[in-house]
Amino acid sequence: MNKIEAIKSERDGLTVRDMIARYAQTGWETIPEDDIQRLKWYGLFLRNPTPGYFMLRVRLPGGRTTSAQLETLAEIALQYGNGVVDVTTRQQVQLRHLTIENVPAVFAKLADAGLTSLQTGMDTVRNVMTCPVAGLNPNELLDGTDIVRAINQEVLDNPAYTNLPRKCNIAVTGCPDNCLHTETQDIALVPAYHDLGYDKCYGYNVFVGGKLGSGGYRIASSLDMFVNPAEAFEVCRIILHIYRDHGPRENRTQARLAFLVESWGEARLRQEVEVRMGRTLPAAGADARVAGERDHIGIFRQKQRGMNYIGLKVLVGRVKAADLRNIAALAARYGTGEVRLSPAQAFMIPHISDRLVGELAEEPLVKQFAYNPSALYKGLVSCVGSDYCNLAVIETKSRAVETAQALERKLGDGLKPITLHWSGCPAGCGNHLVADIGLLGKKAKVDGKVVDAVDVFVGGRSGPDPKLATKIMEDVPCDRLPAVLETLMPYHTRDKMHRVRGKAAPKATGASKSAASWNETTGLTPQPLSA
């Protein structure tokens, strides 16, 4: 039995909540190592780079939040943290530099705001993702929001799901634009349909076993299974139970759902799902996703008449608490106070009327968090990096910004739309293996000195025809990286590397300053759902 399995066998991770008030009195150095691990079930991570200080990860199902909740998060960051908030690639936020003495007060503020950090770490179902503009996007076939809520309600604070073999990532989306990297998920439901001749029956194809860490990128496998929206939650619940009961637990580096899929095979797993469902399920339908990826950054029409949403890029996902407050204020002033977080590290503000969209585009904060960023900045994503993360080998966020600035100066308007993702370690939190260009941090010896370096990958993608990225360079020193990428990026032809079936995704070029000009969304036209 490995160390974490031994800890879980002693008592459930959620039981550590009863000890937090005591540790707040006695200090972080009195917390036993086992409870340091258990605190992760509550999203509290004691990081080696910042001894005595915790990172807190807040759960936001589907990336949904409100201006009032963002105001609370900003207040916590300013009052108890270091004033920094990170937007993750899993539609969550992370707060930095909290002390155990203040955790009870922080938890109370979260609860008052309707927020929780519960089960954002360790062997549980992590934040469930969906399209950041679900219910708004005129192109979507289905809105997965209700399924996300049902899964979240099922697993949260439920001991039946707090002792999985490893973490489990789930994404449910009816969006055709590949905005979630569903192929990296343990369980993914993607939009699909069966053509009945007289109508189309819309639902989800089921994929399992995707991952980035624990041995590298494995593209999720199709179960050759189509589920309608009414049975999607039950199918996810059953797969979770199968994984909990039969997933491997001996070696934590080989305990993700992917390894059960490899051991059993897709056919056996499908059969077990059908046995527990009590009926045979239809074969996979036609994949409704289109080629390419789209991040919803820009200004776009909603399906609701006269309404628009704006997607604002947060450069490498890091935002100051004061700016977070200002974004919350914008959402309240121009919209309904609703805000959504995107895996592309962006804020989405929906429900902006035609009358106000031009005025919003002129706001100084909207120019700072651009809705029409440059081709390089728009696709720039970074993990946390070594300044706060135990696992990261190099600092990523400042490196990513410095490298991007150098490339902008050198290449300027010659840059084509491209995704450039940084991961500080093989865990791959920056999703580097699904990017046009992915950078994996490492240490390398150059001229007898150990320096920060990266391996360079190209050609990764998700969607209806996913591909593993190919490593083309190793041990590139970070201080030489801009010069290396300067010779690569102008000749990186995404269209050739990403030649896939289906039509290309529409481009989002950003709105002009005129209230009458914005990006129109195009693509599939939803049809009524048939039984």
Protein backbone atom coordinates (compact mmCIF):
# COMPACT_ATOMS: atom_id res chain seq x y z
CA MET A 1 0.00 0.00 0.00
CA ASN A 2 1.47 3.34 -1.04
CA LYS A 3 1.67 6.27 1.36
CA ILE A 4 -1.49 8.07 0.24
CA GLU A 5 -3.55 4.86 0.21
CA ALA A 6 -2.37 4.23 3.77
CA ILE A 7 -3.46 7.73 4.81
CA LYS A 8 -6.88 7.21 3.22
CA SER A 9 -7.30 3.82 4.91
CA GLU A 10 -6.89 5.45 8.33
CA ARG A 11 -9.66 8.02 7.85
CA ASP A 12 -11.40 9.95 5.11
CA GLY A 13 -9.74 13.08 3.85
CA LEU A 14 -12.80 15.19 4.68
CA THR A 15 -12.42 14.47 8.39
CA VAL A 16 -9.49 16.90 8.59
CA ARG A 17 -12.02 19.75 8.70
CA ASP A 18 -12.51 19.02 12.41
CA MET A 19 -8.81 19.75 13.03
CA ILE A 20 -8.46 23.03 11.13
CA ALA A 21 -9.57 25.25 14.02
CA ARG A 22 -7.02 23.55 16.28
CA TYR A 23 -4.19 23.97 13.78
CA ALA A 24 -5.18 27.62 13.37
CA GLN A 25 -4.36 28.00 17.07
CA THR A 26 -1.18 25.89 17.20
CA GLY A 27 0.40 26.92 13.85
CA TRP A 28 1.37 25.21 10.63
CA GLU A 29 4.46 23.51 12.04
CA THR A 30 2.25 21.43 14.38
CA ILE A 31 0.29 19.86 11.50
CA PRO A 32 1.27 16.18 11.04
CA GLU A 33 2.38 15.15 7.57
CA ASP A 34 -0.71 12.96 7.10
CA ASP A 35 -2.99 15.94 7.75
CA ILE A 36 -0.89 18.13 5.44
CA GLN A 37 -2.01 15.67 2.77
CA ARG A 38 -5.61 15.57 4.01
CA LEU A 39 -5.89 19.36 3.87
CA LYS A 40 -5.69 19.00 0.09
CA TRP A 41 -9.22 17.55 0.16
CA TYR A 42 -10.21 21.07 1.24
CA GLY A 43 -8.09 22.71 -1.45
CA LEU A 44 -5.32 23.76 0.95
CA PHE A 45 -1.81 23.13 -0.33
CA LEU A 46 1.31 23.80 1.74
CA ARG A 47 3.97 24.49 -0.87
CA ASN A 48 7.72 24.02 -0.36
CA PRO A 49 8.61 27.27 -2.17
CA THR A 50 6.52 29.21 0.39
CA PRO A 51 6.98 27.49 3.79
CA GLY A 52 4.23 28.37 6.24
CA TYR A 53 1.92 29.64 3.52
CA PHE A 54 -0.91 27.80 1.79
CA MET A 55 -2.40 27.99 -1.66
CA LEU A 56 -6.20 27.73 -1.69
CA ARG A 57 -8.00 26.42 -4.78
CA VAL A 58 -11.66 27.45 -5.09
CA ARG A 59 -14.15 25.22 -6.89
CA LEU A 60 -16.22 26.87 -9.64
CA PRO A 61 -18.28 24.23 -11.50
CA GLY A 62 -18.33 25.07 -15.19
CA GLY A 63 -16.37 28.23 -14.39
CA ARG A 64 -19.57 29.99 -13.24
CA THR A 65 -19.31 32.77 -10.67
CA THR A 66 -20.75 36.20 -9.90
CA SER A 67 -19.47 39.69 -9.36
CA ALA A 68 -20.28 39.37 -5.64
CA GLN A 69 -18.24 36.17 -5.41
CA LEU A 70 -15.32 37.73 -7.28
CA GLU A 71 -15.48 40.64 -4.85
CA THR A 72 -15.20 38.16 -1.98
CA LEU A 73 -12.22 36.42 -3.59
CA ALA A 74 -10.50 39.76 -4.12
CA GLU A 75 -11.17 40.72 -0.50
CA ILE A 76 -9.68 37.43 0.74
CA ALA A 77 -6.62 37.87 -1.47
CA LEU A 78 -6.05 41.39 -0.15
CA GLN A 79 -6.86 40.77 3.50
CA TYR A 80 -5.32 37.34 4.02
CA GLY A 81 -3.13 36.64 0.98
CA ASN A 82 -0.63 38.44 -1.21
CA GLY A 83 -3.16 40.21 -3.43
CA VAL A 84 -2.68 37.76 -6.32
CA VAL A 85 -5.33 35.51 -7.89
CA ASP A 86 -4.58 32.88 -10.53
CA VAL A 87 -7.12 31.71 -13.11
CA THR A 88 -6.42 28.04 -13.88
CA THR A 89 -6.88 25.98 -17.03
CA ARG A 90 -9.63 24.11 -15.14
CA GLN A 91 -11.97 27.09 -14.72
CA GLN A 92 -11.03 27.66 -11.08
CA VAL A 93 -9.12 30.29 -9.11
CA GLN A 94 -6.20 29.93 -6.74
CA LEU A 95 -5.39 32.28 -3.86
CA ARG A 96 -1.83 32.62 -2.57
CA HIS A 97 0.04 33.13 0.67
CA LEU A 98 -2.65 32.20 3.20
CA THR A 99 -1.67 31.21 6.74
CA ILE A 100 -3.39 28.42 8.67
CA GLU A 101 -4.31 30.96 11.35
CA ASN A 102 -6.61 32.73 8.89
CA VAL A 103 -8.12 29.67 7.20
CA PRO A 104 -11.25 29.49 9.44
CA ALA A 105 -12.06 33.12 8.63
CA VAL A 106 -11.40 32.51 4.92
CA PHE A 107 -13.68 29.46 4.89
CA ALA A 108 -16.41 31.48 6.60
CA LYS A 109 -16.17 34.22 3.94
CA LEU A 110 -16.30 31.63 1.15
CA ALA A 111 -19.38 29.99 2.66
CA ASP A 112 -21.15 33.34 3.04
CA ALA A 113 -20.53 33.98 -0.66
CA GLY A 114 -21.74 30.53 -1.72
CA LEU A 115 -18.22 29.36 -2.57
CA THR A 116 -16.21 26.31 -1.53
CA SER A 117 -12.74 24.87 -1.88
CA LEU A 118 -13.98 21.37 -1.14
CA GLN A 119 -12.45 18.49 -3.11
CA THR A 120 -10.23 20.59 -5.33
CA GLY A 121 -7.27 18.37 -4.50
CA MET A 122 -6.31 14.72 -4.01
CA ASP A 123 -8.26 11.61 -5.02
CA THR A 124 -11.67 13.06 -5.77
CA VAL A 125 -13.68 14.37 -8.69
CA ARG A 126 -12.10 17.72 -9.43
CA ASN A 127 -13.86 20.80 -10.80
CA VAL A 128 -16.30 19.68 -13.51
CA MET A 129 -15.84 21.68 -16.70
CA THR A 130 -18.11 22.85 -19.47
CA CYS A 131 -18.01 25.40 -22.29
CA PRO A 132 -17.51 28.86 -20.73
CA VAL A 133 -20.35 30.22 -22.87
CA ALA A 134 -22.74 27.31 -22.41
CA GLY A 135 -26.31 28.49 -22.86
CA LEU A 136 -25.12 31.59 -24.71
CA ASN A 137 -23.38 30.27 -27.80
CA PRO A 138 -25.67 30.21 -30.87
CA ASN A 139 -23.54 27.34 -32.23
CA GLU A 140 -24.00 24.93 -29.35
CA LEU A 141 -26.04 21.79 -29.83
CA LEU A 142 -26.65 21.25 -26.13
CA ASP A 143 -26.12 23.14 -22.89
CA GLY A 144 -24.25 20.87 -20.46
CA THR A 145 -24.74 23.13 -17.43
CA ASP A 146 -27.43 21.03 -15.73
CA ILE A 147 -25.33 17.86 -16.05
CA VAL A 148 -22.30 19.65 -14.57
CA ARG A 149 -24.43 20.80 -11.64
CA ALA A 150 -25.83 17.31 -11.11
CA ILE A 151 -22.36 15.73 -11.06
CA ASN A 152 -21.06 18.41 -8.70
CA GLN A 153 -24.02 17.97 -6.35
CA GLU A 154 -23.53 14.18 -6.37
CA VAL A 155 -19.83 14.13 -5.54
CA LEU A 156 -19.39 17.14 -3.27
CA ASP A 157 -19.04 16.32 0.43
CA ASN A 158 -19.95 12.70 -0.39
CA PRO A 159 -17.58 10.04 1.04
CA ALA A 160 -18.61 7.73 -1.81
CA TYR A 161 -16.33 9.82 -4.07
CA THR A 162 -13.55 10.98 -1.73
CA ASN A 163 -11.42 7.84 -2.04
CA LEU A 164 -10.92 7.29 -5.75
CA PRO A 165 -7.65 5.65 -6.85
CA ARG A 166 -6.52 9.06 -8.12
CA LYS A 167 -8.06 12.35 -9.20
CA CYS A 168 -10.77 12.29 -11.85
CA ASN A 169 -11.31 15.12 -14.33
CA ILE A 170 -14.69 15.41 -16.05
CA ALA A 171 -15.86 17.69 -18.86
CA VAL A 172 -19.35 17.91 -20.37
CA THR A 173 -19.92 20.15 -23.36
CA GLY A 174 -22.39 20.66 -26.15
CA CYS A 175 -20.14 23.25 -27.80
CA PRO A 176 -18.67 22.28 -31.20
CA ASP A 177 -15.63 24.56 -30.85
CA ASN A 178 -13.20 22.35 -28.86
CA CYS A 179 -12.71 24.93 -26.13
CA LEU A 180 -12.10 22.40 -23.31
CA HIS A 181 -9.40 19.97 -24.53
CA THR A 182 -11.79 17.11 -23.81
CA GLU A 183 -9.25 14.52 -24.98
CA THR A 184 -7.23 15.16 -21.82
CA GLN A 185 -10.14 14.32 -19.48
CA ASP A 186 -10.74 11.11 -17.53
CA ILE A 187 -14.40 11.30 -18.58
CA ALA A 188 -15.62 13.53 -21.39
CA LEU A 189 -19.03 13.98 -22.97
CA VAL A 190 -18.84 15.73 -26.36
CA PRO A 191 -21.65 16.84 -28.70
CA ALA A 192 -22.92 14.27 -31.17
CA TYR A 193 -26.09 13.31 -33.00
CA HIS A 194 -27.88 10.46 -34.72
CA ASP A 195 -29.51 11.39 -38.01
CA LEU A 196 -33.00 9.89 -38.01
CA GLY A 197 -33.71 11.07 -41.54
CA TYR A 198 -36.61 13.30 -40.57
CA ASP A 199 -34.76 14.88 -37.64
CA LYS A 200 -31.58 14.69 -35.60
CA CYS A 201 -31.33 13.29 -32.10
CA TYR A 202 -28.71 15.27 -30.18
CA GLY A 203 -26.73 13.88 -27.27
CA TYR A 204 -23.18 13.07 -26.23
CA ASN A 205 -20.48 10.64 -27.26
CA VAL A 206 -18.60 9.26 -24.26
CA PHE A 207 -14.79 9.32 -24.02
CA VAL A 208 -12.70 7.94 -21.17
CA GLY A 209 -9.07 7.67 -20.06
CA GLY A 210 -7.57 10.95 -21.19
CA LYS A 211 -4.73 12.45 -19.16
CA LEU A 212 -1.68 14.69 -19.38
CA GLY A 213 0.38 13.78 -16.32
CA SER A 214 1.20 10.34 -14.85
CA GLY A 215 3.26 9.13 -17.77
CA GLY A 216 2.35 11.67 -20.43
CA TYR A 217 -0.54 12.54 -22.69
CA ARG A 218 -3.01 9.79 -23.40
CA ILE A 219 -5.81 10.72 -25.77
CA ALA A 220 -9.17 9.74 -24.32
CA SER A 221 -10.71 6.63 -25.87
CA SER A 222 -14.18 6.44 -27.34
CA LEU A 223 -16.52 3.98 -25.60
CA ASP A 224 -18.51 3.89 -28.85
CA MET A 225 -21.45 5.01 -26.75
CA PHE A 226 -24.11 7.67 -27.32
CA VAL A 227 -26.11 9.02 -24.38
CA ASN A 228 -28.99 11.45 -24.38
CA PRO A 229 -28.94 14.37 -21.94
CA ALA A 230 -31.37 12.66 -19.57
CA GLU A 231 -29.05 9.67 -19.00
CA ALA A 232 -25.68 11.48 -19.17
CA PHE A 233 -25.41 12.02 -15.42
CA GLU A 234 -26.16 8.37 -14.67
CA VAL A 235 -23.50 7.18 -17.13
CA CYS A 236 -20.90 9.45 -15.51
CA ARG A 237 -21.92 8.23 -12.05
CA ILE A 238 -21.57 4.60 -13.10
CA ILE A 239 -18.13 5.14 -14.66
CA LEU A 240 -17.01 6.82 -11.44
CA HIS A 241 -18.22 3.83 -9.40
CA ILE A 242 -16.43 1.40 -11.70
CA TYR A 243 -13.24 3.39 -11.39
CA ARG A 244 -13.55 3.65 -7.61
CA ASP A 245 -14.16 -0.10 -7.23
CA HIS A 246 -11.75 -1.48 -9.83
CA GLY A 247 -9.13 1.18 -10.57
CA PRO A 248 -5.48 0.32 -9.79
CA ARG A 249 -4.17 1.64 -6.47
CA GLU A 250 -0.70 0.14 -6.02
CA ASN A 251 1.34 2.75 -7.90
CA ARG A 252 0.11 6.35 -7.84
CA THR A 253 1.82 7.11 -11.14
CA GLN A 254 -0.33 4.40 -12.75
CA ALA A 255 -3.64 4.87 -10.98
CA ARG A 256 -5.61 7.22 -13.25
CA LEU A 257 -8.69 5.92 -15.07
CA ALA A 258 -6.53 5.62 -18.20
CA PHE A 259 -4.74 2.63 -16.69
CA LEU A 260 -8.00 0.81 -15.97
CA VAL A 261 -9.06 1.47 -19.56
CA GLU A 262 -5.73 0.07 -20.79
CA SER A 263 -6.12 -2.99 -18.56
CA TRP A 264 -9.75 -3.77 -19.33
CA GLY A 265 -10.12 -2.40 -22.84
CA GLU A 266 -12.92 -0.14 -24.02
CA ALA A 267 -15.27 -3.04 -24.88
CA ARG A 268 -15.23 -4.48 -21.36
CA LEU A 269 -15.72 -1.07 -19.76
CA ARG A 270 -18.65 -0.35 -22.06
CA GLN A 271 -20.19 -3.71 -21.23
CA GLU A 272 -19.85 -3.06 -17.50
CA VAL A 273 -21.55 0.33 -17.89
CA GLU A 274 -24.44 -1.25 -19.76
CA VAL A 275 -24.81 -4.01 -17.14
CA ARG A 276 -25.11 -1.40 -14.40
CA MET A 277 -27.45 0.71 -16.54
CA GLY A 278 -29.62 -2.33 -17.15
CA ARG A 279 -29.84 -1.78 -20.88
CA THR A 280 -27.84 -1.58 -24.09
CA LEU A 281 -26.82 1.92 -25.15
CA PRO A 282 -26.63 3.15 -28.76
CA ALA A 283 -23.34 3.24 -30.63
CA ALA A 284 -21.55 6.58 -30.86
CA GLY A 285 -23.24 9.19 -32.99
CA ALA A 286 -21.75 11.54 -35.55
CA ASP A 287 -19.21 13.81 -33.87
CA ALA A 288 -20.63 17.33 -34.03
CA ARG A 289 -17.36 19.12 -33.27
CA VAL A 290 -15.71 21.16 -36.00
CA ALA A 291 -12.05 21.28 -36.89
CA GLY A 292 -9.75 23.60 -35.00
CA GLU A 293 -10.17 25.25 -31.61
CA ARG A 294 -11.88 28.38 -30.42
CA ASP A 295 -11.40 30.13 -27.10
CA HIS A 296 -14.42 32.53 -27.17
CA ILE A 297 -12.16 35.53 -26.54
CA GLY A 298 -13.67 38.57 -28.24
CA ILE A 299 -17.15 40.08 -28.44
CA PHE A 300 -19.85 37.78 -29.77
CA ARG A 301 -23.61 37.69 -30.15
CA GLN A 302 -25.48 35.42 -27.78
CA LYS A 303 -28.40 33.24 -28.77
CA GLN A 304 -30.54 35.60 -26.65
CA ARG A 305 -31.85 38.38 -28.85
CA GLY A 306 -30.04 41.71 -28.48
CA MET A 307 -27.44 40.28 -26.09
CA ASN A 308 -23.67 39.78 -26.35
CA TYR A 309 -20.85 38.32 -24.33
CA ILE A 310 -17.26 39.50 -24.07
CA GLY A 311 -14.23 37.30 -23.47
CA LEU A 312 -11.28 39.10 -21.84
CA LYS A 313 -7.84 37.52 -21.89
CA VAL A 314 -5.95 37.33 -18.59
CA LEU A 315 -2.30 37.19 -19.57
CA VAL A 316 -0.91 33.85 -18.27
CA GLY A 317 -3.89 33.69 -15.88
CA ARG A 318 -2.53 35.98 -13.16
CA VAL A 319 -4.63 38.93 -11.99
CA LYS A 320 -4.27 41.41 -9.15
CA ALA A 321 -7.06 41.50 -6.60
CA ALA A 322 -7.78 45.15 -7.37
CA ASP A 323 -8.27 44.31 -11.05
CA LEU A 324 -10.49 41.36 -10.11
CA ARG A 325 -12.72 43.80 -8.24
CA ASN A 326 -12.88 46.02 -11.29
CA ILE A 327 -13.86 43.08 -13.53
CA ALA A 328 -16.61 42.25 -11.03
CA ALA A 329 -17.79 45.86 -11.22
CA LEU A 330 -17.88 45.72 -15.03
CA ALA A 331 -20.02 42.58 -14.93
CA ALA A 332 -22.45 44.26 -12.56
CA ARG A 333 -22.60 47.49 -14.53
CA TYR A 334 -22.87 46.18 -18.08
CA GLY A 335 -24.32 42.72 -17.55
CA THR A 336 -26.22 40.87 -14.85
CA GLY A 337 -23.24 40.34 -12.53
CA GLU A 338 -22.53 36.89 -13.95
CA VAL A 339 -18.91 36.04 -14.83
CA ARG A 340 -17.47 32.85 -16.28
CA LEU A 341 -13.91 31.53 -16.38
CA SER A 342 -12.40 29.96 -19.47
CA PRO A 343 -9.75 27.21 -19.73
CA ALA A 344 -7.90 29.67 -21.98
CA GLN A 345 -7.38 31.78 -18.85
CA ALA A 346 -9.98 34.39 -19.71
CA PHE A 347 -13.02 36.04 -18.12
CA MET A 348 -16.38 35.89 -19.92
CA ILE A 349 -18.95 38.59 -19.12
CA PRO A 350 -22.36 37.71 -20.62
CA HIS A 351 -25.70 39.45 -21.14
CA ILE A 352 -24.40 42.77 -22.46
CA SER A 353 -27.07 44.57 -24.45
CA ASP A 354 -26.49 45.95 -27.94
CA ARG A 355 -26.98 49.40 -26.46
CA LEU A 356 -24.03 49.02 -24.06
CA VAL A 357 -21.53 46.87 -25.94
CA GLY A 358 -19.77 49.77 -27.63
CA GLU A 359 -19.45 51.67 -24.36
CA LEU A 360 -18.02 48.57 -22.67
CA ALA A 361 -15.41 48.18 -25.41
CA GLU A 362 -14.07 51.65 -24.52
CA GLU A 363 -13.55 50.87 -20.81
CA PRO A 364 -9.86 51.13 -19.78
CA LEU A 365 -10.02 47.72 -18.07
CA VAL A 366 -11.29 46.14 -21.30
CA LYS A 367 -8.26 47.55 -23.06
CA GLN A 368 -6.02 46.14 -20.32
CA PHE A 369 -7.63 42.68 -20.40
CA ALA A 370 -8.01 42.71 -24.14
CA TYR A 371 -10.95 41.22 -26.00
CA ASN A 372 -8.85 41.44 -29.18
CA PRO A 373 -5.33 40.54 -28.03
CA SER A 374 -2.51 39.87 -30.46
CA ALA A 375 -2.26 36.44 -32.06
CA LEU A 376 0.48 35.39 -29.65
CA TYR A 377 -0.96 36.80 -26.41
CA LYS A 378 -4.38 35.32 -27.14
CA GLY A 379 -2.99 31.79 -27.27
CA LEU A 380 -0.51 32.18 -24.41
CA VAL A 381 -1.20 29.87 -21.44
CA SER A 382 0.97 29.05 -18.44
CA CYS A 383 0.85 26.87 -15.35
CA VAL A 384 1.71 28.31 -11.93
CA GLY A 385 5.46 27.67 -12.09
CA SER A 386 8.11 27.10 -9.44
CA ASP A 387 7.51 30.31 -7.48
CA TYR A 388 4.48 28.64 -5.88
CA CYS A 389 4.34 24.99 -7.02
CA ASN A 390 6.31 22.09 -5.51
CA LEU A 391 6.36 20.14 -8.76
CA ALA A 392 7.39 22.84 -11.21
CA VAL A 393 11.05 22.79 -12.22
CA ILE A 394 11.18 26.32 -13.63
CA GLU A 395 9.31 29.59 -13.18
CA THR A 396 6.81 29.79 -16.03
CA LYS A 397 4.56 32.83 -15.85
CA SER A 398 7.18 35.57 -16.00
CA ARG A 399 9.22 33.50 -18.48
CA ALA A 400 6.13 33.17 -20.69
CA VAL A 401 5.45 36.91 -20.64
CA GLU A 402 9.09 37.86 -21.26
CA THR A 403 9.37 35.41 -24.15
CA ALA A 404 6.10 36.59 -25.68
CA GLN A 405 7.18 40.23 -25.42
CA ALA A 406 10.49 39.46 -27.12
CA LEU A 407 8.72 37.61 -29.93
CA GLU A 408 6.21 40.42 -30.38
CA ARG A 409 9.07 42.91 -30.77
CA LYS A 410 10.84 40.72 -33.30
CA LEU A 411 7.93 39.33 -35.31
CA GLY A 412 5.13 41.82 -34.70
CA ASP A 413 2.31 41.58 -37.22
CA GLY A 414 4.03 38.65 -38.92
CA LEU A 415 2.76 36.29 -36.23
CA LYS A 416 -0.06 33.96 -37.20
CA PRO A 417 -2.73 32.75 -34.74
CA ILE A 418 -0.98 30.20 -32.56
CA THR A 419 -1.26 28.60 -29.14
CA LEU A 420 1.87 28.67 -26.99
CA HIS A 421 1.51 26.76 -23.71
CA TRP A 422 3.99 26.48 -20.84
CA SER A 423 4.10 23.64 -18.30
CA GLY A 424 6.64 23.76 -15.49
CA CYS A 425 6.75 19.98 -15.07
CA PRO A 426 5.48 16.74 -16.69
CA ALA A 427 2.16 17.03 -14.80
CA GLY A 428 1.21 19.25 -17.74
CA CYS A 429 -1.08 21.77 -15.99
CA GLY A 430 -0.33 24.23 -18.79
CA ASN A 431 -1.73 21.76 -21.35
CA HIS A 432 1.50 21.98 -23.33
CA LEU A 433 0.88 18.72 -25.21
CA VAL A 434 -2.30 19.97 -26.88
CA ALA A 435 -0.84 23.28 -28.09
CA ASP A 436 0.54 24.35 -31.45
CA ILE A 437 3.80 24.90 -29.58
CA GLY A 438 4.20 23.42 -26.12
CA LEU A 439 7.07 24.09 -23.74
CA LEU A 440 7.95 21.72 -20.89
CA GLY A 441 10.20 23.13 -18.18
CA LYS A 442 13.32 21.31 -17.00
CA LYS A 443 16.87 21.85 -15.81
CA ALA A 444 19.72 21.39 -18.27
CA LYS A 445 23.50 21.68 -18.09
CA VAL A 446 24.84 24.23 -20.55
CA ASP A 447 28.52 25.12 -20.61
CA GLY A 448 28.96 23.39 -17.28
CA LYS A 449 26.13 25.32 -15.56
CA VAL A 450 22.65 24.10 -14.64
CA VAL A 451 20.08 26.48 -16.13
CA ASP A 452 16.33 26.76 -16.67
CA ALA A 453 15.45 25.12 -19.97
CA VAL A 454 12.53 23.66 -21.94
CA ASP A 455 11.74 20.86 -24.31
CA VAL A 456 9.84 22.11 -27.36
CA PHE A 457 6.79 20.25 -28.72
CA VAL A 458 4.74 21.08 -31.80
CA GLY A 459 1.53 19.97 -33.45
CA GLY A 460 -0.59 18.97 -30.45
CA ARG A 461 -4.34 19.32 -30.81
CA SER A 462 -7.66 18.19 -29.48
CA GLY A 463 -11.02 17.90 -31.16
CA PRO A 464 -12.51 15.39 -33.59
CA ASP A 465 -9.04 14.34 -34.82
CA PRO A 466 -6.69 14.75 -31.81
CA LYS A 467 -2.95 14.36 -32.14
CA LEU A 468 -0.07 13.91 -29.76
CA ALA A 469 2.43 16.75 -29.87
CA THR A 470 5.85 15.89 -31.26
CA LYS A 471 9.01 16.80 -29.40
CA ILE A 472 11.38 18.53 -31.81
CA MET A 473 13.94 20.10 -29.46
CA GLU A 474 15.41 19.31 -26.06
CA ASP A 475 17.24 21.31 -23.40
CA VAL A 476 16.69 24.74 -24.93
CA PRO A 477 17.90 27.31 -22.36
CA CYS A 478 15.14 29.76 -21.47
CA ASP A 479 17.36 32.77 -22.12
CA ARG A 480 17.89 31.54 -25.68
CA LEU A 481 14.28 30.50 -26.25
CA PRO A 482 13.06 33.72 -27.93
CA ALA A 483 15.75 33.39 -30.60
CA VAL A 484 14.84 29.73 -31.14
CA LEU A 485 11.11 30.41 -31.42
CA GLU A 486 11.77 33.40 -33.66
CA THR A 487 13.10 31.00 -36.29
CA LEU A 488 10.28 28.48 -35.76
CA MET A 489 7.04 30.41 -35.38
CA PRO A 490 6.86 32.17 -38.77
CA TYR A 491 7.15 28.76 -40.43
CA HIS A 492 4.77 26.89 -38.16
CA THR A 493 1.81 26.32 -40.46
CA ARG A 494 -1.13 25.38 -38.29
CA ASP A 495 -3.35 24.60 -41.27
CA LYS A 496 -0.95 21.91 -42.46
CA MET A 497 -0.25 20.47 -39.04
CA HIS A 498 -3.95 20.57 -38.16
CA ARG A 499 -5.42 19.18 -41.34
CA VAL A 500 -8.59 17.52 -40.07
CA ARG A 501 -11.96 16.47 -41.33
CA GLY A 502 -14.83 18.92 -41.20
CA LYS A 503 -14.93 22.63 -41.77
CA ALA A 504 -12.59 25.01 -40.01
CA ALA A 505 -13.70 26.82 -36.91
CA PRO A 506 -14.68 30.45 -37.48
CA LYS A 507 -12.14 33.10 -36.61
CA ALA A 508 -12.70 35.56 -33.77
CA THR A 509 -11.02 38.79 -34.71
CA GLY A 510 -12.36 40.95 -31.90
CA ALA A 511 -14.80 43.82 -31.95
CA SER A 512 -14.06 47.22 -33.37
CA LYS A 513 -14.69 50.40 -31.37
CA SER A 514 -18.04 50.86 -33.10
CA ALA A 515 -21.04 49.57 -31.16
CA ALA A 516 -22.41 48.19 -34.42
CA SER A 517 -19.39 46.00 -35.14
CA TRP A 518 -18.62 42.74 -33.39
CA ASN A 519 -17.74 39.15 -34.18
CA GLU A 520 -20.61 37.12 -35.53
CA THR A 521 -20.59 33.45 -34.59
CA THR A 522 -21.21 30.93 -37.34
CA GLY A 523 -21.45 27.18 -37.62
CA LEU A 524 -23.98 24.49 -36.84
CA THR A 525 -27.59 25.48 -36.40
CA PRO A 526 -29.19 23.67 -33.46
CA GLN A 527 -32.31 21.68 -34.21
CA PRO A 528 -34.98 20.51 -31.76
CA LEU A 529 -33.97 17.54 -29.67
CA SER A 530 -35.82 14.40 -30.66
CA ALA A 531 -36.47 11.48 -28.37
